[in-house]
Amino acid sequence: MKTIAQIRAFLIEINALKLTSYQTIDLNPFFLIENLYQDHRLVTKNDGFIALKGQVHDGHRYVNQLRAQGVQLILVEDIDLIDPKDVPFVIEIRNLKSILASLASWFYDYPSEQQNIFAVTGTNGKTSICHFLAQSLSRLKHKVGVLGTIGNGIFPTLEDSALTTLDNLSLQRMLKSFYDQDADTVAMEASSHAISQRRILNVNIQTAIFSNLDVDHLDYHQTMEQYFQAKRQLFRLASVKKCVINIDNDYGSRLYAELTEQQEKEIFSFSLINSQADCYMPITSISPQGFVVDVFFRSNKAIDITIPIMGEYNVSNIAAVVCALLANDYPFAETLKTVNDLHNPKGRLEKLIHDGKSTVVIDYAHTADALAKALQAVRVQTKGKLYCVFGCGGSREHSKRPLMAKAAQQYADFVIVTEDNSRTDDIKDIVQDIISGFDDEFTEFIIIEARKEAIEYVLSIANAHDVILLAGKGHETYLDKNHQKTHFDEREVVLEFWRKND
């Protein structure tokens, strides 16, 4: 918490304020501001509001409303965008976006300076690596804060997050909350958008992890080179001391070579196939229960380590965790003990099992590529038939619907087409778009529009050696129809079915 006088003094100190920027209405300089927010819906009369002009929403529109609520401190980018009657009550800072990181870290007392922060970037794997890292660090007796796609909070108690990486103010506020709860370690995702938009500046990240780079977000970055350079900025941060890089990916190999040549930081590589990597973790056997690997880290060696997870690509994600921990001088034997009972994060090839029943895997895959990868990952651990239950969201790009059908036809033995978040689209139209992607001669599918009924149906026909992939919902616990979200948790449906049919 800071007073208005303290906030003004700080803004002057960093040259953000000019004399003409002061409020002309003399408010109480000793009024205590409890929090700073960019989201007007969160602001109370004891908070300060930061009005930014965003790509979708313009914070300036809410200045008058917040003034009426008694908000005492409002910072704006452009006084020309607000009602002239409100001008005397605000502070204009034309470069407001560029000073947000400094303002946020100062306001919340630089919490990350007291924490060991691991940041993960890459097209795929960020969420899983963060959660595997949190699981391992917890077993190493740390209290771990997690920031990412499927929730923020002290592991394992997480609250839903709207963004992969929070805005500057929310990020620093969350780090302060972690510090106040004695969390000494943080595992966070760093999206390319957040890196480019300077949302991670003034966060004291010590270890940066690169998972991979694949075609994605080119609507924002335009080219793969720009996308790569955005990711690379994380490893340029002055606070970063250790870089942990997947060299099984071409862009990872390039990043490793470039950083090694610069000789500015400690660089560690990990690989499932390259024995020259600092952390080499080849897979020696695969079963429905998981994977067996060998682990080599410099002069250390361990044979036949069991990892009880789904998805071969998750072995690479766990190699990232092992490498990151060993790079931070955690003992070799103690580190490997933490991987013996790792489990997939919620909604990321999350496995549900029950004696005598088929294995159920819940995954967030909601594109053709993601669905294909999820089915391929599950296939190698399937002894019987592989069933796939999926739908497509409404009010979204239609072209992916038949492509998802093609992926399901190629990699599953039987497909159940059902609903996802239909939003304002008619479910029957979505289903027709999907099934248009099946070959004319393909008959191994059924349409069951209600997702609960679809899940119960596949549970009733699958046997103990079969695997059922429930794709699309992942960590979500709702269905969105006509923009009305109703509670729907696939886990509850599965567990209730098993309970009734045990």
Protein backbone atom coordinates (compact mmCIF):
# COMPACT_ATOMS: atom_id res chain seq x y z
CA MET A 1 0.00 0.00 0.00
CA LYS A 2 1.19 3.51 -0.81
CA THR A 3 -0.15 7.02 -0.26
CA ILE A 4 -1.04 9.28 -3.17
CA ALA A 5 1.91 11.50 -2.16
CA GLN A 6 4.30 8.53 -2.34
CA ILE A 7 2.98 7.52 -5.74
CA ARG A 8 3.39 11.05 -7.08
CA ALA A 9 6.92 11.22 -5.69
CA PHE A 10 7.85 7.94 -7.36
CA LEU A 11 6.42 9.08 -10.72
CA ILE A 12 8.48 12.26 -10.47
CA GLU A 13 11.59 10.23 -9.56
CA ILE A 14 11.32 8.11 -12.73
CA ASN A 15 10.57 11.20 -14.85
CA ALA A 16 7.05 10.06 -15.68
CA LEU A 17 5.41 13.27 -14.44
CA LYS A 18 5.59 16.78 -15.79
CA LEU A 19 4.34 19.77 -13.82
CA THR A 20 1.25 19.96 -16.02
CA SER A 21 0.41 16.35 -15.18
CA TYR A 22 -0.60 17.01 -11.57
CA GLN A 23 -4.21 16.76 -10.52
CA THR A 24 -5.55 20.30 -10.12
CA ILE A 25 -8.08 19.16 -7.54
CA ASP A 26 -6.27 19.00 -4.21
CA LEU A 27 -6.99 15.49 -2.93
CA ASN A 28 -5.68 14.15 0.36
CA PRO A 29 -2.01 13.34 -0.34
CA PHE A 30 -1.98 10.92 2.59
CA PHE A 31 -4.90 8.84 1.27
CA LEU A 32 -3.73 5.22 1.27
CA ILE A 33 -4.05 3.31 -2.02
CA GLU A 34 -4.41 -0.42 -1.37
CA ASN A 35 -4.04 -1.79 -4.91
CA LEU A 36 -3.57 -0.65 -8.50
CA TYR A 37 -5.75 -2.16 -11.24
CA GLN A 38 -6.11 -1.99 -15.02
CA ASP A 39 -9.47 -3.79 -14.86
CA HIS A 40 -12.13 -1.27 -13.82
CA ARG A 41 -14.35 -4.07 -12.48
CA LEU A 42 -11.90 -4.79 -9.67
CA VAL A 43 -11.44 -1.23 -8.45
CA THR A 44 -12.83 -0.10 -5.08
CA LYS A 45 -12.70 3.42 -3.65
CA ASN A 46 -9.49 2.49 -1.83
CA ASP A 47 -7.70 1.48 -5.05
CA GLY A 48 -6.06 3.30 -7.92
CA PHE A 49 -7.10 2.83 -11.56
CA ILE A 50 -4.75 2.70 -14.55
CA ALA A 51 -6.65 3.72 -17.72
CA LEU A 52 -5.00 2.25 -20.81
CA LYS A 53 -6.15 2.19 -24.41
CA GLY A 54 -6.06 -1.51 -25.30
CA GLN A 55 -6.66 -3.44 -28.52
CA VAL A 56 -10.19 -4.36 -27.42
CA HIS A 57 -11.10 -2.22 -24.40
CA ASP A 58 -10.32 1.42 -23.63
CA GLY A 59 -9.90 2.10 -19.92
CA HIS A 60 -10.56 5.80 -20.41
CA ARG A 61 -14.26 4.99 -20.88
CA TYR A 62 -14.57 4.08 -17.19
CA VAL A 63 -12.99 7.15 -15.61
CA ASN A 64 -16.28 8.95 -14.98
CA GLN A 65 -17.89 5.82 -13.52
CA LEU A 66 -14.97 5.27 -11.12
CA ARG A 67 -14.92 8.90 -10.07
CA ALA A 68 -18.58 8.54 -9.11
CA GLN A 69 -17.61 5.53 -7.00
CA GLY A 70 -15.16 7.69 -5.05
CA VAL A 71 -11.90 6.42 -6.56
CA GLN A 72 -9.20 8.90 -5.54
CA LEU A 73 -6.30 8.01 -7.86
CA ILE A 74 -6.69 7.62 -11.63
CA LEU A 75 -3.78 7.54 -14.06
CA VAL A 76 -4.58 7.97 -17.77
CA GLU A 77 -2.63 7.81 -21.00
CA ASP A 78 -4.48 10.59 -22.78
CA ILE A 79 -6.72 13.23 -21.21
CA ASP A 80 -8.22 13.87 -24.66
CA LEU A 81 -9.99 10.51 -24.37
CA ILE A 82 -11.95 11.37 -21.22
CA ASP A 83 -14.80 13.73 -20.38
CA PRO A 84 -13.41 17.29 -19.92
CA LYS A 85 -15.19 17.44 -16.53
CA ASP A 86 -12.92 14.61 -15.32
CA VAL A 87 -9.62 16.18 -16.42
CA PRO A 88 -8.87 17.94 -13.07
CA PHE A 89 -9.24 14.64 -11.22
CA VAL A 90 -6.71 12.52 -13.16
CA ILE A 91 -2.97 12.33 -13.72
CA GLU A 92 -1.95 12.06 -17.36
CA ILE A 93 1.16 10.03 -18.20
CA ARG A 94 1.68 9.81 -21.94
CA ASN A 95 4.19 6.93 -21.63
CA LEU A 96 2.05 5.09 -19.09
CA LYS A 97 2.47 1.65 -20.69
CA SER A 98 6.25 1.93 -20.67
CA ILE A 99 6.47 2.76 -16.95
CA LEU A 100 3.91 0.21 -15.76
CA ALA A 101 6.49 -2.47 -14.96
CA SER A 102 8.49 -0.06 -12.82
CA LEU A 103 5.39 1.32 -11.11
CA ALA A 104 3.97 -2.14 -10.40
CA SER A 105 7.15 -3.62 -8.93
CA TRP A 106 7.75 -0.53 -6.77
CA PHE A 107 4.13 -0.34 -5.56
CA TYR A 108 4.18 -3.98 -4.44
CA ASP A 109 7.65 -3.69 -2.82
CA TYR A 110 9.68 -5.71 -5.34
CA PRO A 111 8.45 -9.14 -4.21
CA SER A 112 10.37 -11.14 -6.81
CA GLU A 113 13.68 -9.97 -5.31
CA GLN A 114 12.95 -12.40 -2.46
CA GLN A 115 11.94 -15.35 -4.67
CA ASN A 116 13.60 -17.94 -6.89
CA ILE A 117 11.67 -17.66 -10.15
CA PHE A 118 11.63 -20.16 -13.01
CA ALA A 119 10.03 -18.88 -16.25
CA VAL A 120 9.05 -21.20 -19.10
CA THR A 121 8.54 -20.13 -22.70
CA GLY A 122 7.80 -22.08 -25.88
CA THR A 123 4.91 -22.89 -28.19
CA ASN A 124 3.96 -26.08 -26.34
CA GLY A 125 4.74 -27.47 -22.92
CA LYS A 126 4.74 -24.29 -20.82
CA THR A 127 1.82 -25.34 -18.63
CA SER A 128 3.02 -28.91 -18.13
CA ILE A 129 6.59 -27.90 -17.33
CA CYS A 130 5.39 -25.37 -14.75
CA HIS A 131 3.19 -27.96 -13.07
CA PHE A 132 5.80 -30.71 -13.13
CA LEU A 133 8.26 -28.17 -11.74
CA ALA A 134 5.84 -27.19 -8.97
CA GLN A 135 5.29 -30.85 -8.07
CA SER A 136 9.03 -31.55 -7.89
CA LEU A 137 9.85 -28.38 -5.95
CA SER A 138 7.06 -29.14 -3.49
CA ARG A 139 8.61 -32.54 -2.84
CA LEU A 140 11.91 -30.74 -2.27
CA LYS A 141 10.17 -28.90 0.61
CA HIS A 142 9.47 -25.61 -1.16
CA LYS A 143 6.25 -23.64 -1.04
CA VAL A 144 5.68 -22.91 -4.74
CA GLY A 145 3.69 -20.19 -6.47
CA VAL A 146 2.35 -21.05 -9.94
CA LEU A 147 1.38 -18.56 -12.65
CA GLY A 148 -0.06 -19.78 -15.94
CA THR A 149 -2.81 -20.93 -18.24
CA ILE A 150 -4.69 -23.27 -15.95
CA GLY A 151 -4.44 -21.22 -12.79
CA ASN A 152 -2.54 -18.97 -10.41
CA GLY A 153 -1.86 -19.58 -6.75
CA ILE A 154 0.12 -21.56 -4.23
CA PHE A 155 0.48 -25.10 -5.59
CA PRO A 156 -1.69 -27.15 -5.67
CA THR A 157 -4.52 -24.68 -4.89
CA LEU A 158 -4.96 -22.59 -8.03
CA GLU A 159 -7.56 -20.10 -9.21
CA ASP A 160 -8.59 -19.76 -12.85
CA SER A 161 -6.59 -17.36 -14.99
CA ALA A 162 -7.82 -15.48 -18.07
CA LEU A 163 -4.27 -14.99 -19.39
CA THR A 164 -1.20 -17.20 -19.75
CA THR A 165 0.86 -14.32 -18.35
CA LEU A 166 -0.81 -11.61 -16.27
CA ASP A 167 -0.55 -7.86 -16.86
CA ASN A 168 2.21 -5.99 -15.01
CA LEU A 169 0.06 -4.96 -12.06
CA SER A 170 -1.66 -8.32 -11.60
CA LEU A 171 1.65 -10.15 -11.91
CA GLN A 172 3.38 -8.09 -9.23
CA ARG A 173 0.29 -8.23 -7.01
CA MET A 174 0.26 -12.04 -7.29
CA LEU A 175 4.00 -12.26 -6.56
CA LYS A 176 3.44 -10.09 -3.48
CA SER A 177 0.65 -12.44 -2.40
CA PHE A 178 3.02 -15.40 -2.81
CA TYR A 179 5.65 -13.61 -0.74
CA ASP A 180 3.14 -12.81 2.00
CA GLN A 181 2.25 -16.53 2.10
CA ASP A 182 5.94 -17.52 2.43
CA ALA A 183 6.25 -18.99 -1.08
CA ASP A 184 9.98 -18.82 -1.78
CA THR A 185 9.84 -20.28 -5.30
CA VAL A 186 7.72 -19.50 -8.38
CA ALA A 187 7.09 -21.43 -11.61
CA MET A 188 5.57 -19.17 -14.25
CA GLU A 189 4.68 -19.28 -17.91
CA ALA A 190 6.04 -16.51 -20.13
CA SER A 191 4.02 -16.19 -23.34
CA SER A 192 5.45 -14.50 -26.41
CA HIS A 193 2.72 -11.84 -26.18
CA ALA A 194 3.68 -11.05 -22.59
CA ILE A 195 7.38 -10.88 -23.42
CA SER A 196 6.75 -8.57 -26.40
CA GLN A 197 4.39 -6.38 -24.36
CA ARG A 198 6.98 -6.01 -21.56
CA ARG A 199 4.71 -7.63 -18.99
CA ILE A 200 7.56 -9.60 -17.41
CA LEU A 201 9.91 -6.64 -16.98
CA ASN A 202 10.99 -6.02 -13.37
CA VAL A 203 10.29 -9.63 -12.49
CA ASN A 204 13.48 -11.12 -11.06
CA ILE A 205 13.56 -14.30 -13.17
CA GLN A 206 16.70 -16.31 -12.46
CA THR A 207 16.10 -19.45 -14.57
CA ALA A 208 14.63 -19.32 -18.09
CA ILE A 209 13.44 -22.54 -19.78
CA PHE A 210 12.82 -23.00 -23.53
CA SER A 211 10.56 -25.91 -24.47
CA ASN A 212 10.18 -25.66 -28.27
CA LEU A 213 8.98 -23.41 -31.08
CA ASP A 214 6.38 -24.31 -33.69
CA VAL A 215 4.02 -22.42 -35.99
CA ASP A 216 1.60 -20.40 -33.85
CA HIS A 217 0.58 -16.80 -33.11
CA LEU A 218 1.71 -15.60 -36.54
CA ASP A 219 -1.33 -13.32 -36.61
CA TYR A 220 0.53 -11.36 -33.92
CA HIS A 221 4.22 -11.92 -34.73
CA GLN A 222 3.82 -12.08 -38.55
CA THR A 223 6.86 -14.34 -39.15
CA MET A 224 8.55 -17.27 -37.40
CA GLU A 225 11.69 -15.15 -37.06
CA GLN A 226 9.81 -12.44 -35.18
CA TYR A 227 8.15 -15.13 -33.06
CA PHE A 228 11.57 -16.60 -32.23
CA GLN A 229 13.04 -13.20 -31.41
CA ALA A 230 10.12 -12.52 -29.04
CA LYS A 231 10.86 -15.73 -27.17
CA ARG A 232 14.57 -14.97 -27.18
CA GLN A 233 14.03 -11.72 -25.26
CA LEU A 234 13.35 -13.76 -22.10
CA PHE A 235 16.92 -15.07 -22.18
CA ARG A 236 18.32 -11.55 -22.57
CA LEU A 237 16.91 -10.33 -19.25
CA ALA A 238 19.66 -9.16 -16.93
CA SER A 239 18.17 -11.10 -14.01
CA VAL A 240 18.38 -14.44 -15.85
CA LYS A 241 21.46 -16.36 -14.76
CA LYS A 242 20.65 -19.88 -16.02
CA CYS A 243 19.18 -20.87 -19.39
CA VAL A 244 17.73 -24.37 -19.85
CA ILE A 245 17.08 -25.25 -23.49
CA ASN A 246 15.54 -28.15 -25.43
CA ILE A 247 17.97 -28.95 -28.26
CA ASP A 248 15.65 -31.54 -29.83
CA ASN A 249 13.93 -28.58 -31.48
CA ASP A 250 15.66 -26.69 -34.33
CA TYR A 251 14.96 -23.29 -32.77
CA GLY A 252 16.16 -24.60 -29.43
CA SER A 253 19.43 -25.73 -30.99
CA ARG A 254 19.83 -22.29 -32.54
CA LEU A 255 19.09 -20.54 -29.25
CA TYR A 256 21.53 -22.80 -27.39
CA ALA A 257 24.29 -22.06 -29.93
CA GLU A 258 23.71 -18.30 -29.87
CA LEU A 259 23.64 -18.05 -26.08
CA THR A 260 26.67 -20.32 -25.70
CA GLU A 261 28.64 -18.14 -28.10
CA GLN A 262 27.80 -15.00 -26.11
CA GLN A 263 29.15 -16.55 -22.87
CA GLU A 264 27.05 -14.23 -20.69
CA LYS A 265 24.99 -16.81 -18.78
CA GLU A 266 25.11 -20.43 -17.65
CA ILE A 267 23.63 -22.50 -20.47
CA PHE A 268 22.23 -26.02 -20.01
CA SER A 269 20.79 -28.25 -22.74
CA PHE A 270 18.40 -31.18 -22.41
CA SER A 271 17.44 -33.87 -24.91
CA LEU A 272 15.78 -37.25 -25.30
CA ILE A 273 17.89 -38.18 -28.34
CA ASN A 274 21.19 -36.25 -28.21
CA SER A 275 23.70 -37.88 -25.86
CA GLN A 276 25.84 -34.73 -25.93
CA ALA A 277 23.22 -32.72 -24.06
CA ASP A 278 23.96 -31.63 -20.49
CA CYS A 279 20.85 -33.54 -19.44
CA TYR A 280 20.29 -36.59 -21.65
CA MET A 281 17.15 -38.62 -20.86
CA PRO A 282 16.48 -41.41 -23.39
CA ILE A 283 13.28 -43.48 -23.15
CA THR A 284 14.04 -47.17 -22.70
CA SER A 285 10.50 -48.59 -22.46
CA ILE A 286 6.83 -47.57 -22.70
CA SER A 287 3.73 -49.01 -21.04
CA PRO A 288 0.14 -47.90 -20.29
CA GLN A 289 1.42 -46.94 -16.85
CA GLY A 290 4.14 -44.59 -18.12
CA PHE A 291 7.73 -44.48 -19.28
CA VAL A 292 11.09 -45.81 -18.13
CA VAL A 293 14.10 -43.58 -18.81
CA ASP A 294 17.80 -43.34 -18.12
CA VAL A 295 19.14 -40.01 -16.90
CA PHE A 296 22.60 -38.62 -17.58
CA PHE A 297 23.65 -35.23 -16.23
CA ARG A 298 27.31 -34.50 -16.79
CA SER A 299 29.12 -37.02 -14.55
CA ASN A 300 25.91 -38.35 -12.94
CA LYS A 301 23.99 -41.38 -14.20
CA ALA A 302 20.80 -43.20 -13.21
CA ILE A 303 19.21 -46.22 -14.92
CA ASP A 304 15.57 -47.35 -15.17
CA ILE A 305 13.77 -44.35 -13.68
CA THR A 306 9.99 -44.77 -13.89
CA ILE A 307 7.86 -41.77 -14.86
CA PRO A 308 4.12 -42.54 -14.45
CA ILE A 309 2.68 -40.05 -16.92
CA MET A 310 0.82 -39.98 -20.23
CA GLY A 311 2.34 -38.65 -23.45
CA GLU A 312 5.85 -39.11 -24.80
CA TYR A 313 6.26 -35.36 -25.23
CA ASN A 314 5.77 -35.03 -21.48
CA VAL A 315 9.00 -36.95 -20.99
CA SER A 316 10.70 -34.00 -22.70
CA ASN A 317 8.81 -31.63 -20.40
CA ILE A 318 10.05 -33.58 -17.38
CA ALA A 319 13.59 -33.55 -18.80
CA ALA A 320 13.28 -29.74 -18.75
CA VAL A 321 12.35 -29.88 -15.07
CA VAL A 322 15.16 -32.29 -14.17
CA CYS A 323 17.69 -30.15 -16.05
CA ALA A 324 16.43 -26.93 -14.45
CA LEU A 325 16.65 -28.37 -10.93
CA LEU A 326 20.11 -29.84 -11.47
CA ALA A 327 21.24 -26.54 -13.01
CA ASN A 328 20.20 -24.93 -9.72
CA ASP A 329 22.38 -27.38 -7.75
CA TYR A 330 19.68 -29.62 -6.35
CA PRO A 331 21.19 -33.05 -5.52
CA PHE A 332 21.00 -35.57 -8.35
CA ALA A 333 19.44 -38.43 -6.33
CA GLU A 334 16.93 -36.17 -4.57
CA THR A 335 15.87 -34.60 -7.86
CA LEU A 336 15.19 -37.96 -9.48
CA LYS A 337 13.12 -39.11 -6.51
CA THR A 338 10.68 -36.29 -7.26
CA VAL A 339 9.76 -37.66 -10.71
CA ASN A 340 8.60 -41.10 -9.52
CA ASP A 341 5.06 -39.98 -8.76
CA LEU A 342 4.55 -36.97 -11.04
CA HIS A 343 1.12 -36.67 -12.60
CA ASN A 344 -0.11 -34.79 -15.64
CA PRO A 345 -1.54 -31.32 -14.98
CA LYS A 346 -5.29 -30.87 -14.97
CA GLY A 347 -6.62 -31.12 -18.51
CA ARG A 348 -3.24 -31.93 -20.06
CA LEU A 349 -3.39 -35.66 -20.85
CA GLU A 350 -4.85 -35.97 -17.35
CA LYS A 351 -5.43 -39.63 -16.54
CA LEU A 352 -8.38 -41.10 -14.64
CA ILE A 353 -8.17 -44.79 -13.70
CA HIS A 354 -10.37 -47.30 -11.88
CA ASP A 355 -9.83 -51.03 -11.37
CA GLY A 356 -11.34 -53.06 -14.16
CA LYS A 357 -12.35 -49.99 -16.18
CA SER A 358 -10.98 -48.31 -19.30
CA THR A 359 -8.44 -45.53 -18.83
CA VAL A 360 -9.85 -42.04 -19.39
CA VAL A 361 -7.58 -39.22 -20.56
CA ILE A 362 -8.77 -35.60 -20.46
CA ASP A 363 -7.00 -33.11 -22.69
CA TYR A 364 -7.51 -29.51 -23.79
CA ALA A 365 -6.77 -30.31 -27.47
CA HIS A 366 -9.13 -28.14 -29.48
CA THR A 367 -7.32 -27.77 -32.80
CA ALA A 368 -6.62 -30.41 -35.45
CA ASP A 369 -2.88 -30.40 -34.73
CA ALA A 370 -3.36 -30.62 -30.97
CA LEU A 371 -5.91 -33.41 -31.33
CA ALA A 372 -3.60 -35.39 -33.62
CA LYS A 373 -0.71 -35.01 -31.18
CA ALA A 374 -2.84 -36.00 -28.19
CA LEU A 375 -4.17 -39.11 -29.97
CA GLN A 376 -0.67 -40.09 -31.12
CA ALA A 377 0.68 -39.60 -27.60
CA VAL A 378 -2.05 -41.77 -26.09
CA ARG A 379 -1.87 -44.40 -28.84
CA VAL A 380 1.63 -45.58 -27.88
CA GLN A 381 0.35 -46.35 -24.37
CA THR A 382 -2.86 -48.09 -25.50
CA LYS A 383 -3.17 -51.89 -25.54
CA GLY A 384 -6.80 -52.06 -26.68
CA LYS A 385 -8.98 -49.68 -28.69
CA LEU A 386 -8.57 -45.91 -28.64
CA TYR A 387 -11.83 -43.93 -28.44
CA CYS A 388 -12.02 -40.18 -29.08
CA VAL A 389 -14.80 -37.89 -27.84
CA PHE A 390 -14.66 -34.35 -29.20
CA GLY A 391 -16.62 -31.37 -30.46
CA CYS A 392 -15.81 -27.87 -31.73
CA GLY A 393 -16.51 -24.47 -30.25
CA GLY A 394 -19.05 -22.11 -31.76
CA SER A 395 -18.50 -18.48 -32.78
CA ARG A 396 -14.98 -19.45 -33.84
CA GLU A 397 -13.16 -20.35 -37.04
CA HIS A 398 -15.19 -22.95 -38.94
CA SER A 399 -12.37 -24.34 -41.08
CA LYS A 400 -10.81 -26.35 -38.24
CA ARG A 401 -13.96 -28.45 -37.71
CA PRO A 402 -13.51 -30.90 -40.64
CA LEU A 403 -9.76 -30.94 -40.01
CA MET A 404 -10.34 -32.17 -36.46
CA ALA A 405 -12.54 -34.93 -37.87
CA LYS A 406 -9.73 -36.01 -40.19
CA ALA A 407 -7.30 -36.15 -37.25
CA ALA A 408 -9.75 -38.20 -35.20
CA GLN A 409 -10.41 -40.58 -38.10
CA GLN A 410 -6.68 -41.10 -38.68
CA TYR A 411 -5.61 -41.79 -35.10
CA ALA A 412 -8.65 -43.14 -33.20
CA ASP A 413 -10.40 -46.48 -33.55
CA PHE A 414 -13.83 -45.04 -32.84
CA VAL A 415 -15.06 -41.42 -32.66
CA ILE A 416 -17.94 -39.85 -30.75
CA VAL A 417 -18.83 -36.38 -32.08
CA THR A 418 -20.45 -34.19 -29.46
CA GLU A 419 -20.75 -30.62 -28.19
CA ASP A 420 -18.06 -28.29 -26.91
CA ASN A 421 -18.67 -24.60 -26.14
CA SER A 422 -21.26 -24.03 -28.87
CA ARG A 423 -21.78 -20.41 -27.78
CA THR A 424 -24.22 -18.80 -30.24
CA ASP A 425 -23.83 -21.41 -33.01
CA ASP A 426 -26.40 -24.16 -33.53
CA ILE A 427 -24.88 -27.47 -32.38
CA LYS A 428 -26.36 -29.22 -35.43
CA ASP A 429 -24.47 -26.84 -37.75
CA ILE A 430 -21.24 -27.48 -35.86
CA VAL A 431 -21.72 -31.24 -36.07
CA GLN A 432 -22.37 -31.09 -39.81
CA ASP A 433 -19.17 -29.07 -40.30
CA ILE A 434 -17.25 -31.67 -38.31
CA ILE A 435 -18.55 -34.81 -40.01
CA SER A 436 -17.94 -33.29 -43.45
CA GLY A 437 -14.27 -34.00 -42.71
CA PHE A 438 -14.77 -37.77 -42.45
CA ASP A 439 -14.13 -39.88 -45.55
CA ASP A 440 -17.34 -41.10 -47.20
CA GLU A 441 -16.50 -44.71 -46.36
CA PHE A 442 -15.65 -43.97 -42.71
CA THR A 443 -18.32 -45.45 -40.41
CA GLU A 444 -16.56 -45.77 -37.08
CA PHE A 445 -18.26 -42.79 -35.50
CA ILE A 446 -21.48 -41.78 -33.79
CA ILE A 447 -23.08 -38.40 -33.06
CA ILE A 448 -24.31 -37.77 -29.52
CA GLU A 449 -24.91 -34.06 -29.12
CA ALA A 450 -25.14 -33.91 -25.30
CA ARG A 451 -21.59 -34.24 -23.99
CA LYS A 452 -22.62 -35.97 -20.75
CA GLU A 453 -24.51 -38.63 -22.71
CA ALA A 454 -21.58 -39.03 -25.10
CA ILE A 455 -19.18 -39.68 -22.21
CA GLU A 456 -21.53 -42.12 -20.53
CA TYR A 457 -22.00 -43.96 -23.83
CA VAL A 458 -18.28 -44.46 -24.47
CA LEU A 459 -17.71 -45.53 -20.87
CA SER A 460 -20.38 -48.18 -21.32
CA ILE A 461 -18.82 -49.74 -24.44
CA ALA A 462 -15.07 -49.53 -23.66
CA ASN A 463 -13.27 -52.35 -21.85
CA ALA A 464 -10.40 -52.44 -19.35
CA HIS A 465 -7.63 -52.40 -21.97
CA ASP A 466 -9.13 -49.49 -23.92
CA VAL A 467 -8.32 -45.79 -23.60
CA ILE A 468 -10.84 -42.97 -23.99
CA LEU A 469 -9.61 -39.48 -24.93
CA LEU A 470 -12.02 -36.71 -23.92
CA ALA A 471 -10.73 -33.81 -26.01
CA GLY A 472 -11.45 -30.10 -26.00
CA LYS A 473 -12.52 -29.17 -22.47
CA GLY A 474 -9.36 -29.94 -20.54
CA HIS A 475 -9.22 -27.89 -17.35
CA GLU A 476 -12.51 -26.11 -18.08
CA THR A 477 -15.45 -26.91 -15.81
CA TYR A 478 -18.30 -25.38 -17.80
CA LEU A 479 -20.20 -25.53 -21.07
CA ASP A 480 -20.91 -22.26 -22.86
CA LYS A 481 -24.25 -22.19 -24.70
CA ASN A 482 -25.60 -18.88 -25.97
CA HIS A 483 -22.91 -17.24 -23.83
CA GLN A 484 -24.44 -18.78 -20.70
CA LYS A 485 -21.88 -20.85 -18.83
CA THR A 486 -23.25 -23.82 -16.89
CA HIS A 487 -21.21 -26.08 -14.63
CA PHE A 488 -19.86 -29.16 -16.40
CA ASP A 489 -16.85 -31.13 -15.19
CA GLU A 490 -15.96 -34.23 -17.20
CA ARG A 491 -14.20 -35.73 -14.19
CA GLU A 492 -17.44 -35.69 -12.23
CA VAL A 493 -19.29 -37.39 -15.07
CA VAL A 494 -16.68 -40.17 -15.31
CA LEU A 495 -16.37 -40.76 -11.57
CA GLU A 496 -20.15 -40.77 -11.07
CA PHE A 497 -20.58 -43.30 -13.91
CA TRP A 498 -17.95 -45.57 -12.37
CA ARG A 499 -19.56 -45.25 -8.95
CA LYS A 500 -22.94 -46.28 -10.28
CA ASN A 501 -21.58 -49.12 -12.39
CA ASP A 502 -18.92 -50.57 -10.10
